[in-house]
Protein backbone atom coordinates (compact mmCIF):
# COMPACT_ATOMS: atom_id res chain seq x y z
CA MET A 1 -91.62 -9.33 -43.58
CA LYS A 2 -94.80 -10.11 -41.63
CA PRO A 3 -97.80 -12.20 -43.47
CA PHE A 4 -100.06 -8.91 -43.31
CA THR A 5 -97.27 -6.69 -44.73
CA PHE A 6 -96.53 -9.29 -47.54
CA LEU A 7 -100.18 -9.41 -48.37
CA LEU A 8 -100.20 -5.63 -48.82
CA VAL A 9 -97.33 -5.25 -50.96
CA LEU A 10 -98.50 -8.37 -53.09
CA ALA A 11 -101.97 -6.49 -53.48
CA LEU A 12 -100.35 -3.30 -54.38
CA LEU A 13 -98.16 -4.75 -56.92
CA ILE A 14 -100.76 -6.68 -58.65
CA ARG A 15 -102.91 -3.28 -58.71
CA VAL A 16 -99.88 -0.84 -59.53
CA VAL A 17 -97.82 -3.04 -61.76
CA LEU A 18 -98.80 -6.24 -63.00
CA ARG A 19 -102.23 -5.19 -64.10
CA GLN A 20 -100.72 -2.17 -66.07
CA LEU A 21 -97.91 -4.80 -67.37
CA ILE A 22 -100.46 -7.21 -68.73
CA ALA A 23 -103.12 -4.50 -70.05
CA PRO A 24 -101.46 -3.70 -73.37
CA LEU A 25 -101.40 -7.32 -74.10
CA ASN A 26 -104.80 -8.47 -72.89
CA GLN A 27 -106.96 -5.99 -71.00
CA ASP A 28 -109.52 -8.51 -70.02
CA LEU A 29 -106.82 -10.95 -68.49
CA ALA A 30 -105.49 -8.07 -66.62
CA PHE A 31 -108.66 -6.79 -65.10
CA GLY A 32 -109.62 -10.63 -64.33
CA ILE A 33 -106.29 -11.13 -62.58
CA TYR A 34 -106.76 -8.03 -60.79
CA ILE A 35 -110.44 -8.43 -59.39
CA ALA A 36 -109.90 -11.88 -58.64
CA SER A 37 -106.65 -11.50 -56.71
CA SER A 38 -108.18 -8.41 -54.89
CA TYR A 39 -111.16 -10.50 -53.73
CA PHE A 40 -108.97 -12.96 -52.64
CA ILE A 41 -106.10 -11.42 -50.78
CA LEU A 42 -108.17 -8.51 -49.17
CA PRO A 43 -110.85 -10.70 -47.27
CA ILE A 44 -107.64 -12.75 -45.72
CA MET A 45 -106.01 -9.25 -44.76
CA VAL A 46 -109.41 -8.14 -42.90
CA PHE A 47 -109.43 -11.16 -41.42
CA SER A 48 -105.81 -11.05 -40.31
CA ALA A 49 -106.22 -7.46 -38.93
CA ARG A 50 -109.98 -8.29 -37.28
CA ASP A 51 -108.71 -7.14 -33.96
CA ARG A 52 -107.50 -3.65 -35.26
CA LEU A 53 -109.72 -2.72 -38.06
CA GLU A 54 -110.00 0.83 -36.59
CA SER A 55 -106.43 1.25 -37.14
CA PHE A 56 -107.32 0.94 -40.94
CA PHE A 57 -110.42 2.75 -40.76
CA LEU A 58 -112.49 -0.11 -41.44
CA GLN A 59 -115.20 0.71 -38.82
CA SER A 60 -117.86 3.31 -38.68
CA GLY A 61 -115.70 6.09 -37.14
CA ASP A 62 -117.47 9.49 -37.32
CA LEU A 63 -120.05 7.72 -39.81
CA ARG A 64 -122.35 10.59 -40.01
CA GLY A 65 -119.93 13.38 -40.60
CA ALA A 66 -118.15 11.26 -43.26
CA LEU A 67 -121.36 10.59 -45.27
CA VAL A 68 -122.41 14.26 -44.95
CA GLU A 69 -119.01 15.46 -46.27
CA GLY A 70 -119.18 12.68 -48.98
CA CYS A 71 -122.50 14.13 -50.30
CA LEU A 72 -121.00 17.77 -50.45
CA LEU A 73 -118.04 16.37 -52.31
CA LEU A 74 -120.35 14.92 -55.05
CA LEU A 75 -120.72 18.38 -56.21
CA LEU A 76 -117.12 18.33 -57.13
CA ALA A 77 -117.63 14.64 -58.71
CA LEU A 78 -120.24 16.21 -60.78
CA ALA A 79 -118.02 19.02 -61.94
CA GLU A 80 -115.44 16.62 -62.75
CA GLY A 81 -117.84 14.42 -64.91
CA VAL A 82 -118.99 17.08 -66.99
CA GLY A 83 -115.44 18.46 -67.42
CA GLU A 84 -113.96 15.13 -68.41
CA ALA A 85 -116.85 14.76 -70.98
CA TYR A 86 -116.13 17.86 -72.48
CA LEU A 87 -112.39 17.46 -72.62
CA LEU A 88 -112.86 13.84 -74.01
CA LEU A 89 -115.89 14.17 -76.00
CA GLY A 90 -116.66 17.93 -76.62
CA GLY A 91 -119.96 17.48 -74.86
CA VAL A 92 -121.93 15.23 -72.64
CA SER A 93 -123.04 11.93 -73.81
CA PHE A 94 -125.75 10.46 -71.56
CA LEU A 95 -126.02 6.63 -70.83
CA PRO A 96 -129.80 5.41 -70.69
CA LEU A 97 -131.10 5.49 -67.35
CA GLU A 98 -131.71 1.61 -67.37
CA ALA A 99 -127.82 1.44 -67.41
CA VAL A 100 -127.63 3.12 -64.08
CA PRO A 101 -127.93 -0.13 -61.94
CA VAL A 102 -125.18 -1.85 -63.96
CA VAL A 103 -122.95 0.77 -63.72
CA LEU A 104 -123.50 1.79 -60.09
CA LEU A 105 -122.81 -1.93 -59.12
CA ASN A 106 -119.70 -2.13 -61.30
CA SER A 107 -118.43 1.08 -59.97
CA PHE A 108 -118.82 -0.28 -56.44
CA PHE A 109 -117.58 -3.68 -56.76
CA THR A 110 -114.77 -3.20 -59.33
CA ALA A 111 -113.17 -0.08 -58.35
CA ALA A 112 -114.52 1.70 -55.13
CA LEU A 113 -114.72 -0.87 -52.83
CA ILE A 114 -111.28 -2.71 -53.48
CA GLU A 115 -109.46 0.67 -53.91
CA GLU A 116 -110.78 2.21 -50.88
CA VAL A 117 -110.11 -0.72 -48.83
CA LEU A 118 -106.67 -1.10 -50.25
CA PHE A 119 -105.47 2.28 -50.44
CA ARG A 120 -107.40 4.41 -47.91
CA GLY A 121 -107.85 1.66 -45.52
CA PHE A 122 -104.85 -0.68 -45.35
CA LEU A 123 -102.15 1.34 -46.98
CA LEU A 124 -103.14 4.74 -45.29
CA GLY A 125 -103.52 2.86 -41.79
CA TYR A 126 -100.13 0.98 -42.42
CA LEU A 127 -98.20 4.08 -43.29
CA CYS A 128 -99.75 5.95 -40.13
CA GLU A 129 -99.15 2.68 -38.10
CA ILE A 130 -95.39 2.63 -38.72
CA GLY A 131 -95.14 6.11 -37.67
CA ILE A 132 -95.06 8.26 -40.75
CA ASP A 133 -96.44 11.44 -40.30
CA SER A 134 -100.14 11.75 -41.37
CA ASN A 135 -99.66 14.42 -44.07
CA TRP A 136 -96.90 12.57 -45.76
CA ALA A 137 -99.23 9.23 -45.50
CA ILE A 138 -101.92 11.10 -47.28
CA VAL A 139 -99.43 12.12 -50.03
CA LEU A 140 -97.79 8.74 -50.28
CA GLN A 141 -101.07 6.75 -50.56
CA ALA A 142 -102.25 9.12 -53.32
CA ALA A 143 -99.13 8.83 -55.24
CA ILE A 144 -99.42 5.04 -55.11
CA PHE A 145 -103.01 5.38 -55.99
CA ALA A 146 -102.27 7.59 -58.92
CA GLY A 147 -99.45 5.12 -60.08
CA GLY A 148 -101.91 2.70 -60.78
CA HIS A 149 -103.31 4.81 -63.31
CA LEU A 150 -100.31 5.35 -65.43
CA ARG A 151 -102.47 4.41 -68.46
CA TYR A 152 -103.76 7.79 -68.62
CA LEU A 153 -100.45 9.43 -68.82
CA LEU A 154 -99.19 7.05 -71.44
CA GLY A 155 -102.20 7.58 -73.41
CA GLY A 156 -101.65 11.57 -73.42
CA ARG A 157 -104.45 12.19 -70.97
CA TRP A 158 -102.14 13.33 -68.12
CA TRP A 159 -104.97 15.93 -66.81
CA MET A 160 -106.98 12.58 -65.77
CA LEU A 161 -103.80 11.48 -63.69
CA ILE A 162 -103.63 14.77 -62.04
CA ILE A 163 -107.56 14.18 -61.10
CA VAL A 164 -106.78 10.69 -59.77
CA LEU A 165 -104.04 12.30 -57.69
CA THR A 166 -106.24 14.92 -56.49
CA TRP A 167 -109.11 12.57 -55.44
CA GLY A 168 -106.51 10.42 -53.64
CA LEU A 169 -105.55 13.49 -51.67
CA ILE A 170 -108.83 14.49 -50.81
CA PHE A 171 -109.94 10.68 -49.91
CA GLY A 172 -106.82 10.28 -47.59
CA TRP A 173 -107.72 13.73 -45.93
CA GLN A 174 -111.47 12.86 -45.32
CA VAL A 175 -110.56 9.19 -44.16
CA LEU A 176 -107.89 10.61 -41.59
CA ARG A 177 -110.46 13.39 -40.65
CA HIS A 178 -113.43 10.94 -39.84
CA LYS A 179 -111.65 7.62 -39.16
CA THR A 180 -113.76 5.77 -41.87
CA ILE A 181 -113.38 4.80 -45.30
CA ALA A 182 -117.25 5.11 -45.66
CA GLY A 183 -117.39 8.56 -47.03
CA THR A 184 -114.73 7.96 -49.71
CA LEU A 185 -116.65 4.58 -50.40
CA LEU A 186 -119.79 6.75 -51.24
CA VAL A 187 -117.86 9.32 -53.41
CA HIS A 188 -115.79 7.06 -55.08
CA THR A 189 -118.75 4.78 -56.14
CA LEU A 190 -120.79 7.78 -57.06
CA SER A 191 -118.10 9.73 -58.72
CA ASN A 192 -117.28 6.84 -61.00
CA THR A 193 -120.92 6.26 -61.78
CA ILE A 194 -121.61 9.87 -62.47
CA THR A 195 -118.46 9.94 -64.92
CA PHE A 196 -119.50 6.76 -66.62
CA LEU A 197 -123.08 8.05 -67.13
CA LEU A 198 -121.93 11.40 -68.85
CA ILE A 199 -119.40 9.71 -71.05
CA GLY A 200 -119.84 6.18 -71.07
CA GLY A 201 -122.04 6.23 -74.09
CA THR A 202 -119.07 6.73 -76.11
CA VAL A 203 -116.04 5.90 -74.11
CA HIS A 204 -115.95 2.70 -72.71
CA SER A 205 -112.60 2.59 -70.80
CA LEU A 206 -111.25 5.04 -68.45
């Protein structure tokens, strides 16, 4: 197994398997291991793939198209956030406006950046690189991405797992369409931010 492939598999195992095994015992420990390992492994992967970053959609690509489309997808993200608020709480529970910067930074650094680089960047790019049909590559990365959120299913919130899978499919399609993760990074960050602002006043863990 090549070093890059090994690191990709390792990062996925930590995100999809190890974190979910440790979380029921110690959620903070599971989260800490995930964040620390991600910010250790992913930069090494970026460096090792520095001569072919376009293959992993880590360059600008169709930046304008990706960002414009991303802004349109924010309407879907807003609808999702409102829907989740009503399903979980029976209504919207706003966080105060002063919480916005913290929620935004948290959404970017602990979720969107890591997951978009790992799933829509390296995993999707790797699947395409080894010859898997692009449509199947989108489905596979979305399924693995959803697999990292099985806690929703185990917690009886199966519909949240479907939402994650749907976003994984949309993000995969958008990345292949525009050859950059810029748009999905924008939508993922703001989608998480919107959801936490709408339900974060009552629900502290998604």
